[in-house]
Amino acid sequence: MRSIRVLALMEATFITGPAKNLLQYAEFGSRSQPSVKMHVATIRRFTDPPIR
């Protein structure tokens, strides 16, 4: 059976509602049939403060 592939692009400084939902879906999807393969890219603007 083929897996479902998801690509998510999100701009976020903190893990809030939308990002948290995406992570929970990835966790659930890894245990489901067909499996879900999640790829997430985070985007930071050059004006954002550095992450420490």
PDB file of N, CA and C in Angstrom:
ATOM      1  N   MET A   1       0.841  -1.178   0.000  1.00  0.00           N
ATOM      2  CA  MET A   1       0.000   0.000   0.000  1.00  0.00           C
ATOM      3  C   MET A   1       0.891   1.249   0.000  1.00  0.00           C
ATOM      4  N   ARG A   2       0.519   2.233  -0.773  1.00  0.00           N
ATOM      5  CA  ARG A   2       1.295   3.466  -0.859  1.00  0.00           C
ATOM      6  C   ARG A   2       1.061   4.336   0.360  1.00  0.00           C
ATOM      7  N   SER A   3       2.066   5.121   0.686  1.00  0.00           N
ATOM      8  CA  SER A   3       1.920   6.048   1.806  1.00  0.00           C
ATOM      9  C   SER A   3       1.439   7.400   1.288  1.00  0.00           C
ATOM     10  N   ILE A   4       0.873   8.163   2.178  1.00  0.00           N
ATOM     11  CA  ILE A   4       0.439   9.525   1.876  1.00  0.00           C
ATOM     12  C   ILE A   4       1.613  10.442   2.191  1.00  0.00           C
ATOM     13  N   ARG A   5       1.976  11.312   1.258  1.00  0.00           N
ATOM     14  CA  ARG A   5       3.085  12.227   1.482  1.00  0.00           C
ATOM     15  C   ARG A   5       2.537  13.641   1.644  1.00  0.00           C
ATOM     16  N   VAL A   6       3.019  14.332   2.663  1.00  0.00           N
ATOM     17  CA  VAL A   6       2.568  15.690   2.970  1.00  0.00           C
ATOM     18  C   VAL A   6       3.787  16.600   3.050  1.00  0.00           C
ATOM     19  N   LEU A   7       3.733  17.726   2.377  1.00  0.00           N
ATOM     20  CA  LEU A   7       4.759  18.753   2.489  1.00  0.00           C
ATOM     21  C   LEU A   7       4.103  19.972   3.112  1.00  0.00           C
ATOM     22  N   ALA A   8       4.650  20.433   4.218  1.00  0.00           N
ATOM     23  CA  ALA A   8       4.083  21.593   4.908  1.00  0.00           C
ATOM     24  C   ALA A   8       5.136  22.685   5.011  1.00  0.00           C
ATOM     25  N   LEU A   9       4.765  23.887   4.628  1.00  0.00           N
ATOM     26  CA  LEU A   9       5.618  25.058   4.783  1.00  0.00           C
ATOM     27  C   LEU A   9       4.933  25.990   5.762  1.00  0.00           C
ATOM     28  N   MET A  10       5.620  26.295   6.849  1.00  0.00           N
ATOM     29  CA  MET A  10       5.012  27.149   7.868  1.00  0.00           C
ATOM     30  C   MET A  10       5.995  28.218   8.308  1.00  0.00           C
ATOM     31  N   GLU A  11       5.480  29.407   8.521  1.00  0.00           N
ATOM     32  CA  GLU A  11       6.274  30.474   9.107  1.00  0.00           C
ATOM     33  C   GLU A  11       5.799  30.626  10.546  1.00  0.00           C
ATOM     34  N   ALA A  12       6.667  30.300  11.474  1.00  0.00           N
ATOM     35  CA  ALA A  12       6.296  30.382  12.883  1.00  0.00           C
ATOM     36  C   ALA A  12       7.539  30.537  13.738  1.00  0.00           C
ATOM     37  N   THR A  13       7.441  31.365  14.754  1.00  0.00           N
ATOM     38  CA  THR A  13       8.527  31.525  15.712  1.00  0.00           C
ATOM     39  C   THR A  13       8.331  30.567  16.873  1.00  0.00           C
ATOM     40  N   PHE A  14       7.086  30.287  17.206  1.00  0.00           N
ATOM     41  CA  PHE A  14       6.743  29.397  18.311  1.00  0.00           C
ATOM     42  C   PHE A  14       5.793  28.314  17.819  1.00  0.00           C
ATOM     43  N   ILE A  15       5.721  27.215  18.551  1.00  0.00           N
ATOM     44  CA  ILE A  15       4.763  26.156  18.225  1.00  0.00           C
ATOM     45  C   ILE A  15       3.433  26.557  18.844  1.00  0.00           C
ATOM     46  N   THR A  16       2.524  26.998  17.982  1.00  0.00           N
ATOM     47  CA  THR A  16       1.195  27.427  18.422  1.00  0.00           C
ATOM     48  C   THR A  16       0.158  26.550  17.737  1.00  0.00           C
ATOM     49  N   GLY A  17      -1.067  26.980  17.694  1.00  0.00           N
ATOM     50  CA  GLY A  17      -2.188  26.202  17.168  1.00  0.00           C
ATOM     51  C   GLY A  17      -1.930  25.459  15.865  1.00  0.00           C
ATOM     52  N   PRO A  18      -1.694  26.155  14.744  1.00  0.00           N
ATOM     53  CA  PRO A  18      -1.512  25.447  13.471  1.00  0.00           C
ATOM     54  C   PRO A  18      -0.311  24.499  13.474  1.00  0.00           C
ATOM     55  N   ALA A  19       0.808  24.932  14.028  1.00  0.00           N
ATOM     56  CA  ALA A  19       1.999  24.068  14.057  1.00  0.00           C
ATOM     57  C   ALA A  19       1.782  22.869  14.967  1.00  0.00           C
ATOM     58  N   LYS A  20       1.122  23.071  16.087  1.00  0.00           N
ATOM     59  CA  LYS A  20       0.844  21.966  17.007  1.00  0.00           C
ATOM     60  C   LYS A  20      -0.076  20.943  16.348  1.00  0.00           C
ATOM     61  N   ASN A  21      -1.091  21.414  15.642  1.00  0.00           N
ATOM     62  CA  ASN A  21      -1.998  20.496  14.936  1.00  0.00           C
ATOM     63  C   ASN A  21      -1.242  19.695  13.887  1.00  0.00           C
ATOM     64  N   LEU A  22      -0.334  20.324  13.170  1.00  0.00           N
ATOM     65  CA  LEU A  22       0.447  19.638  12.155  1.00  0.00           C
ATOM     66  C   LEU A  22       1.320  18.545  12.781  1.00  0.00           C
ATOM     67  N   LEU A  23       1.964  18.841  13.901  1.00  0.00           N
ATOM     68  CA  LEU A  23       2.797  17.843  14.583  1.00  0.00           C
ATOM     69  C   LEU A  23       1.958  16.687  15.115  1.00  0.00           C
ATOM     70  N   GLN A  24       0.777  16.977  15.644  1.00  0.00           N
ATOM     71  CA  GLN A  24      -0.103  15.910  16.129  1.00  0.00           C
ATOM     72  C   GLN A  24      -0.579  15.038  14.974  1.00  0.00           C
ATOM     73  N   TYR A  25      -0.863  15.640  13.836  1.00  0.00           N
ATOM     74  CA  TYR A  25      -1.274  14.868  12.661  1.00  0.00           C
ATOM     75  C   TYR A  25      -0.133  13.965  12.196  1.00  0.00           C
ATOM     76  N   ALA A  26       1.089  14.482  12.207  1.00  0.00           N
ATOM     77  CA  ALA A  26       2.245  13.679  11.809  1.00  0.00           C
ATOM     78  C   ALA A  26       2.421  12.482  12.745  1.00  0.00           C
ATOM     79  N   GLU A  27       2.224  12.698  14.040  1.00  0.00           N
ATOM     80  CA  GLU A  27       2.340  11.596  15.008  1.00  0.00           C
ATOM     81  C   GLU A  27       1.258  10.548  14.769  1.00  0.00           C
ATOM     82  N   PHE A  28       0.035  10.980  14.581  1.00  0.00           N
ATOM     83  CA  PHE A  28      -1.065  10.056  14.315  1.00  0.00           C
ATOM     84  C   PHE A  28      -0.863   9.329  12.989  1.00  0.00           C
ATOM     85  N   GLY A  29      -0.437  10.086  11.975  1.00  0.00           N
ATOM     86  CA  GLY A  29      -0.272   9.514  10.645  1.00  0.00           C
ATOM     87  C   GLY A  29       0.804   8.459  10.569  1.00  0.00           C
ATOM     88  N   SER A  30       1.812   8.560  11.428  1.00  0.00           N
ATOM     89  CA  SER A  30       2.886   7.566  11.397  1.00  0.00           C
ATOM     90  C   SER A  30       2.406   6.205  11.885  1.00  0.00           C
ATOM     91  N   ARG A  31       1.286   6.171  12.608  1.00  0.00           N
ATOM     92  CA  ARG A  31       0.750   4.909  13.124  1.00  0.00           C
ATOM     93  C   ARG A  31      -0.435   4.394  12.308  1.00  0.00           C
ATOM     94  N   SER A  32      -0.882   5.163  11.334  1.00  0.00           N
ATOM     95  CA  SER A  32      -2.088   4.787  10.589  1.00  0.00           C
ATOM     96  C   SER A  32      -1.747   3.998   9.334  1.00  0.00           C
ATOM     97  N   GLN A  33      -2.777   3.450   8.725  1.00  0.00           N
ATOM     98  CA  GLN A  33      -2.631   2.733   7.456  1.00  0.00           C
ATOM     99  C   GLN A  33      -3.551   3.395   6.445  1.00  0.00           C
ATOM    100  N   PRO A  34      -3.151   3.872   5.307  1.00  0.00           N
ATOM    101  CA  PRO A  34      -1.758   3.905   4.879  1.00  0.00           C
ATOM    102  C   PRO A  34      -0.960   4.911   5.697  1.00  0.00           C
ATOM    103  N   SER A  35       0.335   4.697   5.792  1.00  0.00           N
ATOM    104  CA  SER A  35       1.160   5.571   6.613  1.00  0.00           C
ATOM    105  C   SER A  35       1.280   6.953   5.966  1.00  0.00           C
ATOM    106  N   VAL A  36       1.581   7.930   6.793  1.00  0.00           N
ATOM    107  CA  VAL A  36       1.746   9.305   6.340  1.00  0.00           C
ATOM    108  C   VAL A  36       3.214   9.679   6.523  1.00  0.00           C
ATOM    109  N   LYS A  37       3.832  10.167   5.452  1.00  0.00           N
ATOM    110  CA  LYS A  37       5.210  10.651   5.532  1.00  0.00           C
ATOM    111  C   LYS A  37       5.155  12.169   5.478  1.00  0.00           C
ATOM    112  N   MET A  38       5.647  12.784   6.532  1.00  0.00           N
ATOM    113  CA  MET A  38       5.536  14.232   6.681  1.00  0.00           C
ATOM    114  C   MET A  38       6.893  14.890   6.489  1.00  0.00           C
ATOM    115  N   HIS A  39       6.919  15.936   5.692  1.00  0.00           N
ATOM    116  CA  HIS A  39       8.110  16.763   5.501  1.00  0.00           C
ATOM    117  C   HIS A  39       7.699  18.187   5.859  1.00  0.00           C
ATOM    118  N   VAL A  40       8.426  18.792   6.789  1.00  0.00           N
ATOM    119  CA  VAL A  40       8.087  20.131   7.249  1.00  0.00           C
ATOM    120  C   VAL A  40       9.297  21.040   7.059  1.00  0.00           C
ATOM    121  N   ALA A  41       9.080  22.198   6.476  1.00  0.00           N
ATOM    122  CA  ALA A  41      10.127  23.203   6.324  1.00  0.00           C
ATOM    123  C   ALA A  41       9.716  24.432   7.125  1.00  0.00           C
ATOM    124  N   THR A  42      10.620  24.909   7.938  1.00  0.00           N
ATOM    125  CA  THR A  42      10.345  26.130   8.687  1.00  0.00           C
ATOM    126  C   THR A  42      11.007  27.300   7.977  1.00  0.00           C
ATOM    127  N   ILE A  43      10.367  28.435   8.040  1.00  0.00           N
ATOM    128  CA  ILE A  43      10.838  29.623   7.340  1.00  0.00           C
ATOM    129  C   ILE A  43      11.053  30.726   8.367  1.00  0.00           C
ATOM    130  N   ARG A  44      12.239  31.305   8.346  1.00  0.00           N
ATOM    131  CA  ARG A  44      12.531  32.438   9.216  1.00  0.00           C
ATOM    132  C   ARG A  44      12.865  33.641   8.344  1.00  0.00           C
ATOM    133  N   ARG A  45      12.350  34.778   8.707  1.00  0.00           N
ATOM    134  CA  ARG A  45      12.694  36.010   8.004  1.00  0.00           C
ATOM    135  C   ARG A  45      14.022  36.533   8.537  1.00  0.00           C
ATOM    136  N   PHE A  46      14.751  37.218   7.699  1.00  0.00           N
ATOM    137  CA  PHE A  46      16.057  37.743   8.141  1.00  0.00           C
ATOM    138  C   PHE A  46      15.909  38.785   9.234  1.00  0.00           C
ATOM    139  N   THR A  47      14.707  39.330   9.410  1.00  0.00           N
ATOM    140  CA  THR A  47      14.472  40.337  10.452  1.00  0.00           C
ATOM    141  C   THR A  47      14.104  39.701  11.796  1.00  0.00           C
ATOM    142  N   ASP A  48      13.887  38.377  11.824  1.00  0.00           N
ATOM    143  CA  ASP A  48      13.555  37.698  13.070  1.00  0.00           C
ATOM    144  C   ASP A  48      14.772  37.650  13.983  1.00  0.00           C
ATOM    145  N   PRO A  49      14.556  37.721  15.305  1.00  0.00           N
ATOM    146  CA  PRO A  49      15.690  37.614  16.222  1.00  0.00           C
ATOM    147  C   PRO A  49      16.310  36.221  16.162  1.00  0.00           C
ATOM    148  N   PRO A  50      17.592  36.091  16.464  1.00  0.00           N
ATOM    149  CA  PRO A  50      18.234  34.775  16.428  1.00  0.00           C
ATOM    150  C   PRO A  50      17.635  33.820  17.457  1.00  0.00           C
ATOM    151  N   ILE A  51      17.620  32.528  17.111  1.00  0.00           N
ATOM    152  CA  ILE A  51      17.135  31.503  18.031  1.00  0.00           C
ATOM    153  C   ILE A  51      18.276  31.091  18.935  1.00  0.00           C
ATOM    154  N   ARG A  52      18.023  31.066  20.231  1.00  0.00           N
ATOM    155  CA  ARG A  52      19.076  30.696  21.204  1.00  0.00           C
ATOM    156  C   ARG A  52      18.719  29.419  21.891  1.00  0.00           C
TER     157      ARG A  52
END
